[in-house]
Structures are given as structure tokens and as C-alpha cells.
PDB file of N, CA and C in Angstrom:
ATOM      1  N   MET A   1       0.656  -1.087   0.079  1.00  0.00           N
ATOM      2  CA  MET A   1      -0.063   0.154   0.091  1.00  0.00           C
ATOM      3  C   MET A   1       0.949   1.479   0.049  1.00  0.00           C
ATOM      4  N   VAL A   2       2.038   0.962   0.369  1.00  0.00           N
ATOM      5  CA  VAL A   2       2.861   2.197   0.197  1.00  0.00           C
ATOM      6  C   VAL A   2       3.787   2.286  -1.260  1.00  0.00           C
ATOM      7  N   GLY A   3       2.581   2.806  -2.017  1.00  0.00           N
ATOM      8  CA  GLY A   3       2.898   3.140  -3.530  1.00  0.00           C
ATOM      9  C   GLY A   3       3.012   1.767  -4.794  1.00  0.00           C
ATOM     10  N   GLY A   4       2.728   0.812  -3.853  1.00  0.00           N
ATOM     11  CA  GLY A   4       2.582  -0.350  -4.845  1.00  0.00           C
ATOM     12  C   GLY A   4       1.225  -0.804  -5.004  1.00  0.00           C
ATOM     13  N   LYS A   5       1.456  -1.986  -5.867  1.00  0.00           N
ATOM     14  CA  LYS A   5      -0.136  -2.661  -5.826  1.00  0.00           C
ATOM     15  C   LYS A   5       0.147  -4.210  -5.371  1.00  0.00           C
ATOM     16  N   ALA A   6       1.080  -4.218  -4.639  1.00  0.00           N
ATOM     17  CA  ALA A   6       1.084  -6.085  -4.029  1.00  0.00           C
ATOM     18  C   ALA A   6       0.173  -6.227  -2.919  1.00  0.00           C
ATOM     19  N   HIS A   7      -0.478  -5.283  -2.457  1.00  0.00           N
ATOM     20  CA  HIS A   7      -1.508  -5.373  -1.523  1.00  0.00           C
ATOM     21  C   HIS A   7      -2.718  -6.256  -2.430  1.00  0.00           C
ATOM     22  N   GLU A   8      -2.806  -6.147  -3.929  1.00  0.00           N
ATOM     23  CA  GLU A   8      -3.953  -6.459  -4.487  1.00  0.00           C
ATOM     24  C   GLU A   8      -4.259  -7.849  -4.817  1.00  0.00           C
ATOM     25  N   ALA A   9      -3.034  -8.573  -4.326  1.00  0.00           N
ATOM     26  CA  ALA A   9      -2.923  -9.725  -4.572  1.00  0.00           C
ATOM     27  C   ALA A   9      -3.861 -10.480  -3.858  1.00  0.00           C
ATOM     28  N   SER A  10      -4.364 -11.656  -4.362  1.00  0.00           N
ATOM     29  CA  SER A  10      -5.162 -12.767  -3.861  1.00  0.00           C
ATOM     30  C   SER A  10      -4.985 -13.057  -2.644  1.00  0.00           C
ATOM     31  N   ALA A  11      -3.769 -13.014  -2.440  1.00  0.00           N
ATOM     32  CA  ALA A  11      -2.970 -13.524  -1.182  1.00  0.00           C
ATOM     33  C   ALA A  11      -3.518 -12.853   0.263  1.00  0.00           C
ATOM     34  N   PHE A  12      -3.810 -11.774  -0.155  1.00  0.00           N
ATOM     35  CA  PHE A  12      -4.010 -10.700   0.940  1.00  0.00           C
ATOM     36  C   PHE A  12      -5.568 -10.476   0.995  1.00  0.00           C
ATOM     37  N   ASP A  13      -6.263 -11.507   0.324  1.00  0.00           N
ATOM     38  CA  ASP A  13      -7.954 -11.039   0.612  1.00  0.00           C
ATOM     39  C   ASP A  13      -8.197 -10.942   1.965  1.00  0.00           C
ATOM     40  N   HIS A  14      -7.616 -12.263   2.695  1.00  0.00           N
ATOM     41  CA  HIS A  14      -8.244 -12.262   4.029  1.00  0.00           C
ATOM     42  C   HIS A  14      -7.599 -11.020   5.010  1.00  0.00           C
ATOM     43  N   LEU A  15      -7.092 -10.234   4.897  1.00  0.00           N
ATOM     44  CA  LEU A  15      -6.930  -8.854   5.194  1.00  0.00           C
ATOM     45  C   LEU A  15      -7.807  -7.675   4.819  1.00  0.00           C
ATOM     46  N   PHE A  16      -8.754  -8.046   3.842  1.00  0.00           N
ATOM     47  CA  PHE A  16      -9.352  -6.656   3.453  1.00  0.00           C
ATOM     48  C   PHE A  16     -11.002  -7.053   3.842  1.00  0.00           C
ATOM     49  N   THR A  17     -11.219  -7.519   5.031  1.00  0.00           N
ATOM     50  CA  THR A  17     -12.939  -7.585   5.516  1.00  0.00           C
ATOM     51  C   THR A  17     -13.277  -6.414   5.876  1.00  0.00           C
ATOM     52  N   PRO A  18     -14.639  -5.983   6.096  1.00  0.00           N
ATOM     53  CA  PRO A  18     -15.201  -5.192   6.589  1.00  0.00           C
ATOM     54  C   PRO A  18     -14.777  -4.806   8.201  1.00  0.00           C
ATOM     55  N   GLU A  19     -14.392  -6.175   8.504  1.00  0.00           N
ATOM     56  CA  GLU A  19     -13.669  -5.869  10.103  1.00  0.00           C
ATOM     57  C   GLU A  19     -12.778  -5.020  10.228  1.00  0.00           C
ATOM     58  N   HIS A  20     -11.975  -5.598   9.054  1.00  0.00           N
ATOM     59  CA  HIS A  20     -10.597  -4.899   9.129  1.00  0.00           C
ATOM     60  C   HIS A  20     -10.751  -3.288   8.763  1.00  0.00           C
ATOM     61  N   ARG A  21     -11.276  -3.016   8.110  1.00  0.00           N
ATOM     62  CA  ARG A  21     -11.796  -1.378   7.675  1.00  0.00           C
ATOM     63  C   ARG A  21     -12.259  -0.843   8.866  1.00  0.00           C
ATOM     64  N   TYR A  22     -12.934  -1.712   9.610  1.00  0.00           N
ATOM     65  CA  TYR A  22     -13.660  -0.921  11.165  1.00  0.00           C
ATOM     66  C   TYR A  22     -12.089  -0.485  11.989  1.00  0.00           C
ATOM     67  N   LEU A  23     -11.462  -1.468  11.809  1.00  0.00           N
ATOM     68  CA  LEU A  23     -10.314  -1.289  12.897  1.00  0.00           C
ATOM     69  C   LEU A  23      -9.387  -0.414  12.297  1.00  0.00           C
ATOM     70  N   PHE A  24      -8.992  -0.325  10.825  1.00  0.00           N
ATOM     71  CA  PHE A  24      -8.208   0.806  10.566  1.00  0.00           C
ATOM     72  C   PHE A  24      -8.766   2.016  10.875  1.00  0.00           C
ATOM     73  N   ASN A  25     -10.361   2.397  10.772  1.00  0.00           N
ATOM     74  CA  ASN A  25     -11.012   3.465  11.118  1.00  0.00           C
ATOM     75  C   ASN A  25     -10.671   3.775  12.545  1.00  0.00           C
ATOM     76  N   VAL A  26     -10.877   2.805  13.570  1.00  0.00           N
ATOM     77  CA  VAL A  26     -10.480   2.837  14.890  1.00  0.00           C
ATOM     78  C   VAL A  26      -9.022   3.482  15.189  1.00  0.00           C
ATOM     79  N   ALA A  27      -8.079   2.825  14.478  1.00  0.00           N
ATOM     80  CA  ALA A  27      -6.632   3.004  14.749  1.00  0.00           C
ATOM     81  C   ALA A  27      -6.587   4.600  14.499  1.00  0.00           C
ATOM     82  N   ILE A  28      -7.030   5.059  13.266  1.00  0.00           N
ATOM     83  CA  ILE A  28      -6.838   6.340  12.664  1.00  0.00           C
ATOM     84  C   ILE A  28      -7.309   7.284  13.613  1.00  0.00           C
ATOM     85  N   ARG A  29      -8.663   7.297  13.996  1.00  0.00           N
ATOM     86  CA  ARG A  29      -9.197   8.143  15.309  1.00  0.00           C
ATOM     87  C   ARG A  29      -8.385   8.127  16.521  1.00  0.00           C
ATOM     88  N   CYS A  30      -7.766   6.929  16.711  1.00  0.00           N
ATOM     89  CA  CYS A  30      -7.124   7.037  18.045  1.00  0.00           C
ATOM     90  C   CYS A  30      -5.542   7.922  17.650  1.00  0.00           C
ATOM     91  N   LEU A  31      -5.008   7.451  16.941  1.00  0.00           N
ATOM     92  CA  LEU A  31      -3.748   8.282  16.433  1.00  0.00           C
ATOM     93  C   LEU A  31      -4.098   9.467  16.053  1.00  0.00           C
ATOM     94  N   GLY A  32      -4.885  10.033  15.369  1.00  0.00           N
ATOM     95  CA  GLY A  32      -5.470  11.677  15.545  1.00  0.00           C
ATOM     96  C   GLY A  32      -5.747  12.154  16.755  1.00  0.00           C
ATOM     97  N   ASP A  33      -6.291  11.560  17.944  1.00  0.00           N
ATOM     98  CA  ASP A  33      -6.315  11.840  19.263  1.00  0.00           C
ATOM     99  C   ASP A  33      -4.792  12.203  19.940  1.00  0.00           C
ATOM    100  N   ILE A  34      -3.916  11.211  19.651  1.00  0.00           N
ATOM    101  CA  ILE A  34      -2.631  10.992  20.372  1.00  0.00           C
ATOM    102  C   ILE A  34      -1.584  11.907  19.505  1.00  0.00           C
ATOM    103  N   ALA A  35      -1.468  11.773  17.914  1.00  0.00           N
ATOM    104  CA  ALA A  35      -0.863  12.492  17.424  1.00  0.00           C
ATOM    105  C   ALA A  35      -0.928  14.033  16.434  1.00  0.00           C
ATOM    106  N   GLY A  36      -2.213  13.788  16.586  1.00  0.00           N
ATOM    107  CA  GLY A  36      -2.818  15.187  15.595  1.00  0.00           C
ATOM    108  C   GLY A  36      -3.453  14.504  14.296  1.00  0.00           C
ATOM    109  N   THR A  37      -4.243  15.409  14.090  1.00  0.00           N
ATOM    110  CA  THR A  37      -5.060  15.212  12.742  1.00  0.00           C
ATOM    111  C   THR A  37      -4.201  15.130  11.507  1.00  0.00           C
ATOM    112  N   ALA A  38      -3.161  15.901  11.643  1.00  0.00           N
ATOM    113  CA  ALA A  38      -2.513  16.179  10.377  1.00  0.00           C
ATOM    114  C   ALA A  38      -1.732  14.898   9.935  1.00  0.00           C
ATOM    115  N   ILE A  39      -1.172  14.091  10.842  1.00  0.00           N
ATOM    116  CA  ILE A  39      -0.665  12.589  10.885  1.00  0.00           C
ATOM    117  C   ILE A  39      -1.792  11.570  10.312  1.00  0.00           C
ATOM    118  N   ALA A  40      -2.753  11.700  11.358  1.00  0.00           N
ATOM    119  CA  ALA A  40      -3.996  10.646  11.025  1.00  0.00           C
ATOM    120  C   ALA A  40      -4.730  10.996   9.764  1.00  0.00           C
ATOM    121  N   ASP A  41      -5.016  12.173   9.317  1.00  0.00           N
ATOM    122  CA  ASP A  41      -5.521  12.475   7.798  1.00  0.00           C
ATOM    123  C   ASP A  41      -4.669  12.127   6.757  1.00  0.00           C
ATOM    124  N   ALA A  42      -3.230  11.737   6.718  1.00  0.00           N
ATOM    125  CA  ALA A  42      -2.359  11.182   5.801  1.00  0.00           C
ATOM    126  C   ALA A  42      -2.659   9.943   5.428  1.00  0.00           C
ATOM    127  N   LEU A  43      -3.577   9.075   6.760  1.00  0.00           N
ATOM    128  CA  LEU A  43      -3.527   7.842   6.548  1.00  0.00           C
ATOM    129  C   LEU A  43      -5.139   7.206   6.362  1.00  0.00           C
ATOM    130  N   THR A  44      -6.054   8.408   6.170  1.00  0.00           N
ATOM    131  CA  THR A  44      -7.274   8.171   5.440  1.00  0.00           C
ATOM    132  C   THR A  44      -7.515   7.526   4.276  1.00  0.00           C
ATOM    133  N   PRO A  45      -6.754   7.634   3.469  1.00  0.00           N
ATOM    134  CA  PRO A  45      -6.936   6.991   1.963  1.00  0.00           C
ATOM    135  C   PRO A  45      -7.110   5.232   2.339  1.00  0.00           C
ATOM    136  N   VAL A  46      -6.451   4.805   3.093  1.00  0.00           N
ATOM    137  CA  VAL A  46      -6.577   3.482   3.248  1.00  0.00           C
ATOM    138  C   VAL A  46      -8.159   3.069   3.430  1.00  0.00           C
ATOM    139  N   LEU A  47      -8.965   3.804   3.696  1.00  0.00           N
ATOM    140  CA  LEU A  47     -10.494   3.520   4.103  1.00  0.00           C
ATOM    141  C   LEU A  47     -10.830   3.257   2.941  1.00  0.00           C
ATOM    142  N   ASP A  48     -10.315   4.093   1.873  1.00  0.00           N
ATOM    143  CA  ASP A  48     -11.397   3.700   0.270  1.00  0.00           C
ATOM    144  C   ASP A  48     -10.767   2.721  -0.388  1.00  0.00           C
ATOM    145  N   LEU A  49      -9.908   1.610   0.179  1.00  0.00           N
ATOM    146  CA  LEU A  49      -9.442   0.519  -0.466  1.00  0.00           C
ATOM    147  C   LEU A  49     -10.897  -0.804  -0.458  1.00  0.00           C
ATOM    148  N   ASN A  50     -10.800  -1.567  -1.402  1.00  0.00           N
ATOM    149  CA  ASN A  50     -11.922  -2.393  -1.246  1.00  0.00           C
ATOM    150  C   ASN A  50     -11.777  -3.306  -0.096  1.00  0.00           C
ATOM    151  N   PHE A  51     -12.743  -3.268   0.746  1.00  0.00           N
ATOM    152  CA  PHE A  51     -12.558  -4.310   2.015  1.00  0.00           C
ATOM    153  C   PHE A  51     -13.794  -5.238   1.977  1.00  0.00           C
ATOM    154  N   GLU A  52     -14.330  -5.461   0.770  1.00  0.00           N
ATOM    155  CA  GLU A  52     -15.356  -6.569   0.714  1.00  0.00           C
ATOM    156  C   GLU A  52     -14.924  -7.688  -0.221  1.00  0.00           C
ATOM    157  N   ARG A  53     -13.626  -7.733  -0.732  1.00  0.00           N
ATOM    158  CA  ARG A  53     -13.067  -8.775  -1.191  1.00  0.00           C
ATOM    159  C   ARG A  53     -12.511  -9.942  -0.333  1.00  0.00           C
ATOM    160  N   GLY A  54     -12.635  -9.781   0.739  1.00  0.00           N
ATOM    161  CA  GLY A  54     -12.256 -10.627   1.885  1.00  0.00           C
ATOM    162  C   GLY A  54     -13.304 -11.345   2.648  1.00  0.00           C
ATOM    163  N   LYS A  55     -14.508 -11.144   2.071  1.00  0.00           N
ATOM    164  CA  LYS A  55     -15.692 -11.564   2.794  1.00  0.00           C
ATOM    165  C   LYS A  55     -15.634 -12.871   2.529  1.00  0.00           C
ATOM    166  N   ALA A  56     -15.757 -14.018   3.644  1.00  0.00           N
ATOM    167  CA  ALA A  56     -15.801 -15.529   3.635  1.00  0.00           C
ATOM    168  C   ALA A  56     -16.705 -16.262   2.881  1.00  0.00           C
ATOM    169  N   GLN A  57     -16.048 -16.663   2.291  1.00  0.00           N
ATOM    170  CA  GLN A  57     -16.697 -17.775   1.399  1.00  0.00           C
ATOM    171  C   GLN A  57     -17.433 -18.967   2.122  1.00  0.00           C
ATOM    172  N   PRO A  58     -18.892 -19.471   1.803  1.00  0.00           N
ATOM    173  CA  PRO A  58     -19.456 -20.351   2.655  1.00  0.00           C
ATOM    174  C   PRO A  58     -18.622 -21.758   2.248  1.00  0.00           C
ATOM    175  N   VAL A  59     -18.352 -22.536   3.275  1.00  0.00           N
ATOM    176  CA  VAL A  59     -17.451 -23.810   2.544  1.00  0.00           C
ATOM    177  C   VAL A  59     -18.557 -24.776   2.639  1.00  0.00           C
ATOM    178  N   ASP A  60     -18.065 -25.658   1.807  1.00  0.00           N
ATOM    179  CA  ASP A  60     -19.099 -26.719   1.380  1.00  0.00           C
ATOM    180  C   ASP A  60     -18.237 -27.946   2.250  1.00  0.00           C
ATOM    181  N   ARG A  61     -18.833 -28.665   3.011  1.00  0.00           N
ATOM    182  CA  ARG A  61     -18.426 -29.444   3.962  1.00  0.00           C
ATOM    183  C   ARG A  61     -18.235 -31.003   3.389  1.00  0.00           C
ATOM    184  N   ASP A  62     -19.080 -30.824   2.444  1.00  0.00           N
ATOM    185  CA  ASP A  62     -19.213 -32.139   1.694  1.00  0.00           C
ATOM    186  C   ASP A  62     -18.145 -32.838   0.609  1.00  0.00           C
ATOM    187  N   VAL A  63     -17.038 -31.787   0.255  1.00  0.00           N
ATOM    188  CA  VAL A  63     -16.266 -31.721  -0.629  1.00  0.00           C
ATOM    189  C   VAL A  63     -15.124 -32.098   0.310  1.00  0.00           C
ATOM    190  N   PRO A  64     -14.181 -33.012  -0.035  1.00  0.00           N
ATOM    191  CA  PRO A  64     -13.109 -33.105   0.690  1.00  0.00           C
ATOM    192  C   PRO A  64     -12.052 -32.125   0.227  1.00  0.00           C
ATOM    193  N   PRO A  65     -11.002 -31.763   1.207  1.00  0.00           N
ATOM    194  CA  PRO A  65     -10.294 -30.460   0.955  1.00  0.00           C
ATOM    195  C   PRO A  65      -9.186 -31.033  -0.339  1.00  0.00           C
ATOM    196  N   ALA A  66      -8.697 -29.925  -1.253  1.00  0.00           N
ATOM    197  CA  ALA A  66      -7.982 -30.494  -2.065  1.00  0.00           C
ATOM    198  C   ALA A  66      -6.277 -30.460  -1.490  1.00  0.00           C
TER     199      ALA A  66
END
């Protein structure tokens, strides 16, 4: 996310859930309270990423693991 596109690889999908977006939001607000809004505002673009791609897929328990 620091200038590259590596975070878009499917290997990182599990890190982009709505819950992770919420945690980023809380962390940015806490950082703003501690270090000031100038620093926290610089991190807000992370909230614009696609956090829907990591939604859990239903598991078919009748199919043996690959």
C-alpha cells in the first residue's frame, strides 16, 4: 500500500474484510487523538480500499479438501 500494488494480490484477501476496515478506522481516530489530525489525515486514504473482497466464502463441508 506504500506506493505499490502488491496488496491487491489474492493472497491478501483475508486482510480486506469489513472488520479490518473498522479496525483501521478506529486506529486512525486514536492516532489522531494522540499525534494530531495532520498525521491521521494522511492515512485516511486506506479506508478507500476495497474491503469487501475478503468476505468469507461459505464452505462446502461435503467436498474433501484439495
